Amino acid sequence: MEALVRLAVKPLAYLGSAVVLLGLVYLGIQLGGGCRGGGGELRKAVALIAAGAAVLGFAAIYGFSGF
């Protein structure tokens, strides 16, 4: 089972990195637009960044050290 987890850790880390990148781009778009709308869109951007960071954290726990 551990070998299977170690095999899947690199694609999961790639996915987490992509989600963090999308969250940062989305945050930049929202901040460039003037932050109107009560902050709901900013909350979504921060949630994307946090979710990607959590996936990267789990990947690091299971032995991912870098691309």
N, C-alpha and C. Protein backbone atom coordinates (compact mmCIF):
# COMPACT_ATOMS: atom_id res chain seq x y z
N MET A 1 0.83 -1.19 0.00
CA MET A 1 0.00 0.00 0.00
C MET A 1 0.87 1.25 0.00
N GLU A 2 1.96 1.19 0.74
CA GLU A 2 2.85 2.36 0.81
C GLU A 2 3.47 2.66 -0.55
N ALA A 3 3.79 1.62 -1.30
CA ALA A 3 4.36 1.84 -2.64
C ALA A 3 3.34 2.52 -3.55
N LEU A 4 2.08 2.18 -3.41
CA LEU A 4 1.04 2.80 -4.21
C LEU A 4 0.88 4.27 -3.86
N VAL A 5 0.94 4.59 -2.57
CA VAL A 5 0.85 5.98 -2.13
C VAL A 5 2.04 6.78 -2.64
N ARG A 6 3.22 6.21 -2.57
CA ARG A 6 4.42 6.91 -3.06
C ARG A 6 4.36 7.11 -4.57
N LEU A 7 3.71 6.21 -5.28
CA LEU A 7 3.55 6.36 -6.72
C LEU A 7 2.57 7.48 -7.05
N ALA A 8 1.55 7.65 -6.24
CA ALA A 8 0.51 8.65 -6.50
C ALA A 8 0.85 10.03 -5.97
N VAL A 9 1.92 10.16 -5.21
CA VAL A 9 2.21 11.43 -4.55
C VAL A 9 2.65 12.51 -5.54
N LYS A 10 3.37 12.17 -6.58
CA LYS A 10 3.83 13.17 -7.53
C LYS A 10 2.66 13.78 -8.33
N PRO A 11 1.73 12.98 -8.86
CA PRO A 11 0.57 13.60 -9.53
C PRO A 11 -0.28 14.44 -8.57
N LEU A 12 -0.41 14.01 -7.33
CA LEU A 12 -1.17 14.81 -6.36
C LEU A 12 -0.48 16.14 -6.09
N ALA A 13 0.82 16.13 -6.00
CA ALA A 13 1.56 17.38 -5.78
C ALA A 13 1.41 18.30 -6.99
N TYR A 14 1.42 17.74 -8.18
CA TYR A 14 1.21 18.53 -9.38
C TYR A 14 -0.18 19.16 -9.36
N LEU A 15 -1.18 18.39 -8.98
CA LEU A 15 -2.54 18.90 -8.88
C LEU A 15 -2.64 20.02 -7.84
N GLY A 16 -2.00 19.82 -6.69
CA GLY A 16 -2.01 20.85 -5.66
C GLY A 16 -1.34 22.13 -6.13
N SER A 17 -0.24 21.99 -6.85
CA SER A 17 0.45 23.17 -7.38
C SER A 17 -0.43 23.92 -8.38
N ALA A 18 -1.14 23.17 -9.21
CA ALA A 18 -2.03 23.80 -10.19
C ALA A 18 -3.16 24.55 -9.50
N VAL A 19 -3.71 23.99 -8.44
CA VAL A 19 -4.80 24.65 -7.71
C VAL A 19 -4.29 25.92 -7.03
N VAL A 20 -3.09 25.87 -6.45
CA VAL A 20 -2.52 27.08 -5.84
C VAL A 20 -2.31 28.15 -6.91
N LEU A 21 -1.78 27.76 -8.05
CA LEU A 21 -1.55 28.72 -9.13
C LEU A 21 -2.86 29.33 -9.62
N LEU A 22 -3.88 28.51 -9.81
CA LEU A 22 -5.19 29.04 -10.21
C LEU A 22 -5.77 29.98 -9.16
N GLY A 23 -5.58 29.66 -7.90
CA GLY A 23 -6.05 30.54 -6.83
C GLY A 23 -5.34 31.88 -6.84
N LEU A 24 -4.03 31.86 -7.08
CA LEU A 24 -3.28 33.12 -7.15
C LEU A 24 -3.70 33.96 -8.35
N VAL A 25 -3.93 33.32 -9.48
CA VAL A 25 -4.39 34.05 -10.66
C VAL A 25 -5.77 34.64 -10.41
N TYR A 26 -6.65 33.84 -9.84
CA TYR A 26 -8.01 34.31 -9.54
C TYR A 26 -7.97 35.47 -8.54
N LEU A 27 -7.10 35.37 -7.55
CA LEU A 27 -6.96 36.46 -6.58
C LEU A 27 -6.48 37.72 -7.27
N GLY A 28 -5.51 37.60 -8.15
CA GLY A 28 -5.01 38.77 -8.88
C GLY A 28 -6.08 39.40 -9.75
N ILE A 29 -6.89 38.59 -10.39
CA ILE A 29 -7.97 39.13 -11.21
C ILE A 29 -8.97 39.88 -10.34
N GLN A 30 -9.30 39.30 -9.21
CA GLN A 30 -10.29 39.95 -8.33
C GLN A 30 -9.73 41.24 -7.72
N LEU A 31 -8.47 41.24 -7.34
CA LEU A 31 -7.88 42.46 -6.79
C LEU A 31 -7.73 43.53 -7.86
N GLY A 32 -7.47 43.12 -9.08
CA GLY A 32 -7.36 44.08 -10.18
C GLY A 32 -8.71 44.69 -10.54
N GLY A 33 -9.77 43.97 -10.26
CA GLY A 33 -11.11 44.45 -10.58
C GLY A 33 -11.68 45.42 -9.56
N GLY A 34 -11.00 45.63 -8.47
CA GLY A 34 -11.45 46.62 -7.50
C GLY A 34 -12.11 46.07 -6.25
N CYS A 35 -12.16 44.77 -6.04
CA CYS A 35 -12.68 44.17 -4.81
C CYS A 35 -14.12 44.57 -4.51
N ARG A 36 -14.96 44.58 -5.49
CA ARG A 36 -16.37 44.90 -5.24
C ARG A 36 -17.16 43.60 -5.06
N GLY A 37 -18.25 43.68 -4.35
CA GLY A 37 -19.13 42.52 -4.23
C GLY A 37 -19.13 41.88 -2.85
N GLY A 38 -18.60 42.53 -1.84
CA GLY A 38 -18.69 42.03 -0.49
C GLY A 38 -17.63 41.03 -0.08
N GLY A 39 -16.68 40.76 -0.90
CA GLY A 39 -15.58 39.87 -0.51
C GLY A 39 -15.82 38.40 -0.77
N GLY A 40 -16.93 38.04 -1.36
CA GLY A 40 -17.20 36.63 -1.63
C GLY A 40 -16.23 36.03 -2.62
N GLU A 41 -15.85 36.81 -3.61
CA GLU A 41 -14.91 36.32 -4.61
C GLU A 41 -13.51 36.19 -4.02
N LEU A 42 -13.14 37.09 -3.12
CA LEU A 42 -11.84 36.97 -2.46
C LEU A 42 -11.79 35.73 -1.59
N ARG A 43 -12.90 35.42 -0.95
CA ARG A 43 -12.99 34.22 -0.13
C ARG A 43 -12.78 32.97 -0.98
N LYS A 44 -13.33 32.96 -2.18
CA LYS A 44 -13.15 31.82 -3.08
C LYS A 44 -11.69 31.67 -3.49
N ALA A 45 -11.03 32.79 -3.77
CA ALA A 45 -9.62 32.75 -4.18
C ALA A 45 -8.75 32.23 -3.03
N VAL A 46 -8.99 32.71 -1.83
CA VAL A 46 -8.22 32.25 -0.67
C VAL A 46 -8.50 30.78 -0.39
N ALA A 47 -9.74 30.34 -0.60
CA ALA A 47 -10.07 28.92 -0.40
C ALA A 47 -9.34 28.04 -1.42
N LEU A 48 -9.21 28.50 -2.66
CA LEU A 48 -8.46 27.75 -3.67
C LEU A 48 -7.00 27.62 -3.26
N ILE A 49 -6.41 28.71 -2.79
CA ILE A 49 -5.01 28.70 -2.38
C ILE A 49 -4.82 27.76 -1.18
N ALA A 50 -5.73 27.83 -0.22
CA ALA A 50 -5.62 26.98 0.97
C ALA A 50 -5.81 25.50 0.61
N ALA A 51 -6.73 25.20 -0.29
CA ALA A 51 -6.94 23.80 -0.68
C ALA A 51 -5.72 23.24 -1.39
N GLY A 52 -5.13 24.02 -2.27
CA GLY A 52 -3.92 23.57 -2.96
C GLY A 52 -2.76 23.38 -2.00
N ALA A 53 -2.65 24.29 -1.03
CA ALA A 53 -1.59 24.16 -0.04
C ALA A 53 -1.79 22.92 0.83
N ALA A 54 -3.04 22.59 1.15
CA ALA A 54 -3.31 21.40 1.94
C ALA A 54 -2.92 20.13 1.17
N VAL A 55 -3.23 20.10 -0.12
CA VAL A 55 -2.85 18.95 -0.94
C VAL A 55 -1.33 18.83 -1.01
N LEU A 56 -0.65 19.97 -1.18
CA LEU A 56 0.81 19.95 -1.20
C LEU A 56 1.38 19.50 0.15
N GLY A 57 0.73 19.89 1.24
CA GLY A 57 1.17 19.46 2.56
C GLY A 57 1.06 17.96 2.74
N PHE A 58 -0.05 17.39 2.29
CA PHE A 58 -0.19 15.93 2.38
C PHE A 58 0.83 15.22 1.49
N ALA A 59 1.11 15.81 0.34
CA ALA A 59 2.12 15.21 -0.54
C ALA A 59 3.49 15.24 0.13
N ALA A 60 3.79 16.33 0.82
CA ALA A 60 5.08 16.42 1.52
C ALA A 60 5.16 15.41 2.66
N ILE A 61 4.05 15.19 3.35
CA ILE A 61 4.03 14.21 4.44
C ILE A 61 4.34 12.81 3.91
N TYR A 62 3.83 12.51 2.71
CA TYR A 62 4.02 11.18 2.15
C TYR A 62 5.28 11.05 1.29
N GLY A 63 6.21 11.98 1.43
CA GLY A 63 7.52 11.80 0.83
C GLY A 63 7.82 12.58 -0.42
N PHE A 64 6.95 13.50 -0.85
CA PHE A 64 7.25 14.30 -2.03
C PHE A 64 8.26 15.38 -1.66
N SER A 65 9.36 15.44 -2.40
CA SER A 65 10.39 16.41 -2.07
C SER A 65 10.62 17.43 -3.17
N GLY A 66 9.99 17.30 -4.30
CA GLY A 66 10.12 18.28 -5.37
C GLY A 66 10.04 17.65 -6.73
N PHE A 67 9.77 18.50 -7.70
CA PHE A 67 9.67 18.02 -9.08
C PHE A 67 11.06 17.84 -9.59
